[in-house]
Amino acid sequence: MRDSYHILVPHIAERQRIDSYLTTHIANATRTKVQRAIEEGLVLVNGKKVKSNYRVASGDEIAVTLPKPPAPEAKPEDIPVDILYEDGDLIVVNKPAGMVTHPAYGNYTGTLANALLYHCRSLSEGGDPLRPGIVHRLDKETSGLLVVAKNDFAHSFLADQFARRTIDRRYWAVVWGPFGAQKGEIEAEIGRSKSDRKKMAVVEGGKPAATEYSVIEPFEFLTLLELHLRTGRTHQIRVHLSYIHHPVFGDPSYGGRRIAWGSTEARRKSQVQSLLIIMKRQALHAKTLGFIHPTTKQFLHFDSPLPSDFEDLLAALRG
């Protein structure tokens, strides 16, 4: 595939080499890519081929054709993966913290999708070559359960359940502060943060989001919660809990790695620091997952054990 551009050079005070000119006037064009196009005769000035040292003049008409690199796609990689269930339609996997769900900018290898492609060789296309089989995702540092589709029918059937919000997803999280009520619900719209585009936030005009929570076990200044997602927004649990001033413990993006509740005296600081050494990520785990099987139409329910860092954190709190 190729991208084509037509440029009419306006009045310029000083003539400039064409390779430099095009590099600054075509988005994402490198000088090497432009020079290669010139060598292949894909750059015409006033209908004629030129060399890289041609100097652009006012009024020049430049026609450029740049080869478009093939879209990246996920490749199979021999990476261990913890599979809880598998049949001809789907796989239920327990994703470890630190593993990206699917390839994306900056993480094209070492992902769960890469590992599963090696394991079963065939996953649903899902409309994106970088997300084979991926029906839903977990943040890199969130551990727990994911269902992955092996064929397009299963993908569509499962995606419809997510869209209709009939999937049962429950997370466990250690969060800052005590709760007055044993159960509650957070309803607040979520959208891209206006101050940091890499983060999400509760914003007016965002997408509707609802998170139910219940207290499992209280501690001195932290609480173990079970959370039920009624919607599935990006970073929903982390954003909602931070919004009500109970950020997920250890969460570096939403206020969970600083003392968010209680005193800041030296003893407390030392205690918190020792806990943060145990939990180097957000203390969030996708513990249970339930859905209707696309072929058998039976309701399947899965539960995953807490990872070792989560267990160690709870042991320290109970100790």
Protein backbone atom coordinates (compact mmCIF):
# COMPACT_ATOMS: atom_id res chain seq x y z
CA MET A 1 0.00 0.00 0.00
CA ARG A 2 1.10 3.58 -0.66
CA ASP A 3 0.27 7.11 0.47
CA SER A 4 0.16 9.91 -2.10
CA TYR A 5 0.68 13.62 -1.52
CA HIS A 6 0.44 16.71 -3.72
CA ILE A 7 2.18 19.83 -2.49
CA LEU A 8 2.17 23.31 -4.04
CA VAL A 9 5.15 25.19 -2.67
CA PRO A 10 4.17 28.70 -1.53
CA HIS A 11 6.48 31.69 -1.74
CA ILE A 12 9.66 30.84 0.16
CA ALA A 13 12.53 33.19 0.89
CA GLU A 14 15.23 30.54 0.66
CA ARG A 15 15.41 27.40 -1.46
CA GLN A 16 15.74 24.12 0.48
CA ARG A 17 16.79 20.58 -0.42
CA ILE A 18 13.73 18.59 -1.41
CA ASP A 19 14.46 15.69 0.98
CA SER A 20 14.60 18.11 3.91
CA TYR A 21 11.53 20.02 2.71
CA LEU A 22 9.37 16.93 2.38
CA THR A 23 10.49 15.53 5.73
CA THR A 24 9.17 18.65 7.46
CA HIS A 25 5.98 18.93 5.38
CA ILE A 26 4.72 15.31 5.43
CA ALA A 27 3.62 13.88 8.78
CA ASN A 28 5.66 10.90 10.02
CA ALA A 29 7.95 10.98 6.98
CA THR A 30 11.60 10.31 7.78
CA ARG A 31 14.42 11.63 5.65
CA THR A 32 15.50 8.06 4.84
CA LYS A 33 11.99 7.17 3.63
CA VAL A 34 11.83 10.33 1.48
CA GLN A 35 15.28 9.72 -0.03
CA ARG A 36 14.33 6.15 -0.89
CA ALA A 37 11.19 7.40 -2.63
CA ILE A 38 13.26 9.90 -4.62
CA GLU A 39 15.70 7.17 -5.69
CA GLU A 40 12.77 5.00 -6.85
CA GLY A 41 11.37 7.85 -8.95
CA LEU A 42 8.34 8.32 -6.71
CA VAL A 43 8.89 12.07 -6.25
CA LEU A 44 8.08 14.35 -9.18
CA VAL A 45 8.59 18.10 -9.31
CA ASN A 46 6.57 19.79 -12.05
CA GLY A 47 6.11 16.34 -13.57
CA LYS A 48 9.80 15.42 -13.65
CA LYS A 49 11.97 13.14 -11.50
CA VAL A 50 14.56 14.90 -9.32
CA LYS A 51 17.47 13.99 -7.08
CA SER A 52 17.67 14.45 -3.32
CA ASN A 53 19.83 17.58 -3.70
CA TYR A 54 17.21 19.38 -5.81
CA ARG A 55 16.35 22.69 -4.17
CA VAL A 56 12.66 23.49 -3.93
CA ALA A 57 11.54 26.80 -5.45
CA SER A 58 8.40 28.91 -4.98
CA GLY A 59 5.55 27.61 -7.11
CA ASP A 60 6.91 24.08 -7.50
CA GLU A 61 4.28 21.37 -7.74
CA ILE A 62 5.47 18.23 -5.96
CA ALA A 63 3.84 14.81 -6.32
CA VAL A 64 5.01 12.27 -3.74
CA THR A 65 4.21 8.58 -3.37
CA LEU A 66 5.51 6.96 -0.19
CA PRO A 67 5.41 3.18 0.34
CA LYS A 68 3.22 2.34 3.32
CA PRO A 69 4.67 -0.28 5.66
CA PRO A 70 2.51 -3.36 6.26
CA ALA A 71 0.33 -3.17 9.34
CA PRO A 72 1.89 -4.95 12.31
CA GLU A 73 0.25 -8.13 13.50
CA ALA A 74 0.60 -10.38 16.51
CA LYS A 75 3.14 -13.21 16.13
CA PRO A 76 3.19 -16.50 18.06
CA GLU A 77 5.70 -16.55 20.93
CA ASP A 78 6.64 -19.42 23.24
CA ILE A 79 5.56 -17.81 26.52
CA PRO A 80 4.09 -19.79 29.44
CA VAL A 81 0.42 -19.11 30.03
CA ASP A 82 -1.87 -20.23 32.88
CA ILE A 83 -4.96 -21.77 31.24
CA LEU A 84 -7.91 -22.63 33.50
CA TYR A 85 -10.23 -23.93 30.78
CA GLU A 86 -10.10 -24.63 27.04
CA ASP A 87 -12.35 -26.12 24.38
CA GLY A 88 -12.89 -25.65 20.64
CA ASP A 89 -14.47 -22.21 21.07
CA LEU A 90 -12.62 -20.41 23.81
CA ILE A 91 -9.86 -20.27 26.41
CA VAL A 92 -10.09 -18.93 29.95
CA VAL A 93 -6.71 -17.74 31.15
CA ASN A 94 -5.33 -16.34 34.39
CA LYS A 95 -3.19 -13.37 33.30
CA PRO A 96 -0.26 -12.47 35.54
CA ALA A 97 0.50 -8.90 36.53
CA GLY A 98 3.11 -7.33 34.28
CA MET A 99 1.80 -8.92 31.06
CA VAL A 100 0.11 -6.75 28.42
CA THR A 101 -3.10 -8.25 27.04
CA HIS A 102 -2.43 -7.62 23.35
CA PRO A 103 0.18 -5.89 21.17
CA ALA A 104 -0.01 -2.12 20.94
CA TYR A 105 2.34 0.81 20.48
CA GLY A 106 5.43 0.19 22.60
CA ASN A 107 4.46 -3.43 23.34
CA TYR A 108 4.43 -5.49 20.15
CA THR A 109 5.87 -8.63 21.74
CA GLY A 110 5.58 -10.59 24.97
CA THR A 111 1.82 -10.15 25.30
CA LEU A 112 -0.91 -12.60 26.22
CA ALA A 113 -2.11 -12.66 22.59
CA ASN A 114 1.40 -13.63 21.42
CA ALA A 115 1.50 -16.45 23.99
CA LEU A 116 -1.95 -17.80 23.06
CA LEU A 117 -1.19 -17.76 19.33
CA TYR A 118 1.76 -20.05 20.03
CA HIS A 119 -0.37 -22.27 22.26
CA CYS A 120 -3.32 -22.87 19.92
CA ARG A 121 -2.21 -21.39 16.57
CA SER A 122 -5.71 -20.17 15.77
CA LEU A 123 -7.69 -17.38 17.40
CA SER A 124 -10.62 -15.27 16.20
CA GLU A 125 -9.71 -12.38 13.95
CA GLY A 126 -11.93 -9.90 15.73
CA GLY A 127 -11.30 -7.23 13.09
CA ASP A 128 -7.84 -6.29 14.40
CA PRO A 129 -4.64 -8.22 13.56
CA LEU A 130 -3.08 -6.96 16.79
CA ARG A 131 -5.89 -8.36 18.96
CA PRO A 132 -6.48 -11.96 17.86
CA GLY A 133 -9.05 -13.60 20.12
CA ILE A 134 -9.19 -10.68 22.54
CA VAL A 135 -12.77 -9.99 23.59
CA HIS A 136 -11.91 -7.86 26.63
CA ARG A 137 -8.70 -6.79 28.33
CA LEU A 138 -7.04 -6.18 31.67
CA ASP A 139 -4.52 -3.45 32.46
CA LYS A 140 -0.90 -4.56 32.33
CA GLU A 141 -0.48 -4.56 36.13
CA THR A 142 -3.90 -6.05 36.89
CA SER A 143 -3.88 -9.82 37.30
CA GLY A 144 -6.73 -12.27 36.79
CA LEU A 145 -9.24 -13.88 34.47
CA LEU A 146 -9.81 -13.28 30.77
CA VAL A 147 -11.87 -15.21 28.22
CA VAL A 148 -10.35 -15.43 24.74
CA ALA A 149 -12.22 -16.52 21.59
CA LYS A 150 -10.86 -19.15 19.20
CA ASN A 151 -13.24 -18.40 16.31
CA ASP A 152 -15.27 -15.47 15.04
CA PHE A 153 -18.62 -16.95 16.08
CA ALA A 154 -17.46 -17.34 19.68
CA HIS A 155 -15.94 -13.85 19.59
CA SER A 156 -19.21 -12.28 18.43
CA PHE A 157 -21.28 -14.26 20.95
CA LEU A 158 -19.05 -13.29 23.88
CA ALA A 159 -18.71 -9.66 22.75
CA ASP A 160 -22.50 -9.40 22.66
CA GLN A 161 -22.67 -10.49 26.31
CA PHE A 162 -20.15 -7.81 27.25
CA ALA A 163 -22.15 -5.23 25.30
CA ARG A 164 -25.37 -6.26 27.04
CA ARG A 165 -23.54 -6.30 30.40
CA THR A 166 -24.57 -9.86 31.23
CA ILE A 167 -21.00 -11.03 31.89
CA ASP A 168 -20.35 -11.54 35.61
CA ARG A 169 -16.98 -9.96 36.46
CA ARG A 170 -15.83 -9.57 40.04
CA TYR A 171 -12.54 -8.13 41.22
CA TRP A 172 -10.76 -8.09 44.56
CA ALA A 173 -8.87 -4.98 45.55
CA VAL A 174 -7.07 -3.62 48.59
CA VAL A 175 -7.92 0.07 48.81
CA TRP A 176 -7.12 2.99 51.05
CA GLY A 177 -9.31 3.84 54.04
CA PRO A 178 -12.21 2.33 56.01
CA PHE A 179 -15.77 2.17 54.67
CA GLY A 180 -18.79 3.18 56.72
CA ALA A 181 -21.20 1.03 54.71
CA GLN A 182 -20.61 -2.64 53.90
CA LYS A 183 -21.97 -2.20 50.38
CA GLY A 184 -22.30 0.64 47.93
CA GLU A 185 -22.29 1.76 44.31
CA ILE A 186 -20.28 4.36 42.44
CA GLU A 187 -21.94 5.96 39.41
CA ALA A 188 -19.84 8.58 37.64
CA GLU A 189 -19.09 9.28 33.99
CA ILE A 190 -15.57 8.44 32.82
CA GLY A 191 -13.59 10.04 30.02
CA ARG A 192 -10.07 11.04 29.06
CA SER A 193 -8.37 13.24 31.66
CA LYS A 194 -8.03 16.84 30.53
CA SER A 195 -4.76 17.27 32.41
CA ASP A 196 -3.10 14.00 31.38
CA ARG A 197 -4.24 12.32 28.16
CA LYS A 198 -2.70 9.00 29.24
CA LYS A 199 -5.11 8.78 32.18
CA MET A 200 -8.86 8.54 32.60
CA ALA A 201 -10.95 10.62 34.98
CA VAL A 202 -14.48 11.29 36.15
CA VAL A 203 -15.57 14.01 33.69
CA GLU A 204 -18.81 15.69 32.76
CA GLY A 205 -20.02 14.32 29.44
CA GLY A 206 -17.97 11.12 29.71
CA LYS A 207 -19.30 7.59 29.23
CA PRO A 208 -21.70 6.27 31.91
CA ALA A 209 -19.96 3.94 34.36
CA ALA A 210 -21.18 2.01 37.41
CA THR A 211 -19.18 -0.01 39.94
CA GLU A 212 -20.67 -1.92 42.86
CA TYR A 213 -18.52 -2.71 45.90
CA SER A 214 -18.79 -4.72 49.11
CA VAL A 215 -16.40 -4.96 52.04
CA ILE A 216 -14.71 -8.34 52.49
CA GLU A 217 -12.27 -7.49 55.28
CA PRO A 218 -11.36 -4.19 56.98
CA PHE A 219 -7.88 -3.34 58.24
CA GLU A 220 -6.46 -0.41 60.18
CA PHE A 221 -6.14 2.00 57.25
CA LEU A 222 -6.86 -0.27 54.27
CA THR A 223 -9.86 -2.37 53.18
CA LEU A 224 -10.23 -5.52 51.09
CA LEU A 225 -13.15 -5.05 48.68
CA GLU A 226 -15.02 -7.14 46.14
CA LEU A 227 -16.04 -5.07 43.12
CA HIS A 228 -18.65 -5.87 40.50
CA LEU A 229 -18.44 -4.10 37.15
CA ARG A 230 -21.80 -3.08 35.70
CA THR A 231 -20.00 -1.32 32.84
CA GLY A 232 -16.54 -1.82 31.37
CA ARG A 233 -14.76 1.51 30.95
CA THR A 234 -10.99 1.88 30.70
CA HIS A 235 -9.44 1.95 34.20
CA GLN A 236 -12.99 2.03 35.62
CA ILE A 237 -12.33 0.53 39.06
CA ARG A 238 -9.15 2.52 39.59
CA VAL A 239 -10.75 5.80 38.51
CA HIS A 240 -13.97 5.30 40.49
CA LEU A 241 -12.19 4.36 43.72
CA SER A 242 -9.79 7.28 43.42
CA TYR A 243 -12.78 9.56 42.78
CA ILE A 244 -14.36 8.61 46.14
CA HIS A 245 -10.95 9.03 47.86
CA HIS A 246 -10.29 5.30 48.28
CA PRO A 247 -7.60 4.68 45.62
CA VAL A 248 -6.41 1.15 44.97
CA PHE A 249 -3.38 0.48 47.15
CA GLY A 250 -0.15 0.60 45.14
CA ASP A 251 -1.73 2.24 42.07
CA PRO A 252 0.92 4.62 40.68
CA SER A 253 -1.45 6.46 38.33
CA TYR A 254 -4.40 7.23 40.59
CA GLY A 255 -2.91 8.08 43.97
CA GLY A 256 -2.41 4.65 45.48
CA ARG A 257 1.32 4.83 46.25
CA ARG A 258 1.12 7.68 48.74
CA ILE A 259 -0.59 7.82 52.12
CA ALA A 260 -4.18 8.54 51.18
CA TRP A 261 -5.79 7.91 54.58
CA GLY A 262 -4.82 8.34 58.22
CA SER A 263 -1.76 9.88 59.81
CA THR A 264 1.55 10.61 58.09
CA GLU A 265 3.71 10.10 61.17
CA ALA A 266 7.05 8.29 60.81
CA ARG A 267 5.69 4.94 62.07
CA ARG A 268 2.85 4.97 59.55
CA LYS A 269 5.18 5.99 56.72
CA SER A 270 7.49 3.10 57.54
CA GLN A 271 4.57 0.68 57.72
CA VAL A 272 3.18 1.83 54.36
CA GLN A 273 6.59 1.68 52.73
CA SER A 274 7.04 -1.95 53.82
CA LEU A 275 3.64 -2.81 52.32
CA LEU A 276 4.48 -1.02 49.06
CA ILE A 277 7.64 -3.12 48.81
CA ILE A 278 5.40 -6.21 48.89
CA MET A 279 2.85 -4.79 46.43
CA LYS A 280 4.81 -3.16 43.61
CA ARG A 281 1.67 -2.65 41.52
CA GLN A 282 -1.99 -1.85 42.08
CA ALA A 283 -3.58 -4.42 44.39
CA LEU A 284 -6.29 -5.37 41.89
CA HIS A 285 -7.16 -8.90 40.75
CA ALA A 286 -9.92 -10.08 38.39
CA LYS A 287 -10.99 -12.97 40.57
CA THR A 288 -14.19 -14.39 39.07
CA LEU A 289 -15.66 -14.52 35.59
CA GLY A 290 -19.00 -15.92 34.43
CA PHE A 291 -20.60 -16.08 30.97
CA ILE A 292 -22.82 -18.19 28.70
CA HIS A 293 -20.89 -20.59 26.46
CA PRO A 294 -21.39 -19.75 22.75
CA THR A 295 -22.08 -23.35 21.68
CA THR A 296 -23.48 -25.25 24.69
CA LYS A 297 -25.38 -22.18 26.00
CA GLN A 298 -24.45 -23.27 29.53
CA PHE A 299 -23.41 -20.68 32.08
CA LEU A 300 -19.74 -21.15 32.98
CA HIS A 301 -18.22 -19.67 36.12
CA PHE A 302 -14.52 -19.48 37.00
CA ASP A 303 -12.60 -18.42 40.08
CA SER A 304 -8.87 -17.70 40.18
CA PRO A 305 -6.53 -17.82 43.18
CA LEU A 306 -4.96 -14.62 44.40
CA PRO A 307 -1.39 -14.13 43.13
CA SER A 308 1.47 -14.40 45.59
CA ASP A 309 2.05 -10.64 45.99
CA PHE A 310 -1.63 -10.13 46.82
CA GLU A 311 -1.55 -12.99 49.35
CA ASP A 312 1.64 -11.62 50.91
CA LEU A 313 0.05 -8.19 51.26
CA LEU A 314 -3.00 -9.64 53.04
CA ALA A 315 -0.77 -11.76 55.30
CA ALA A 316 1.20 -8.64 56.29
CA LEU A 317 -2.00 -6.73 57.03
CA ARG A 318 -3.42 -9.57 59.11
CA GLY A 319 -0.12 -10.04 60.91
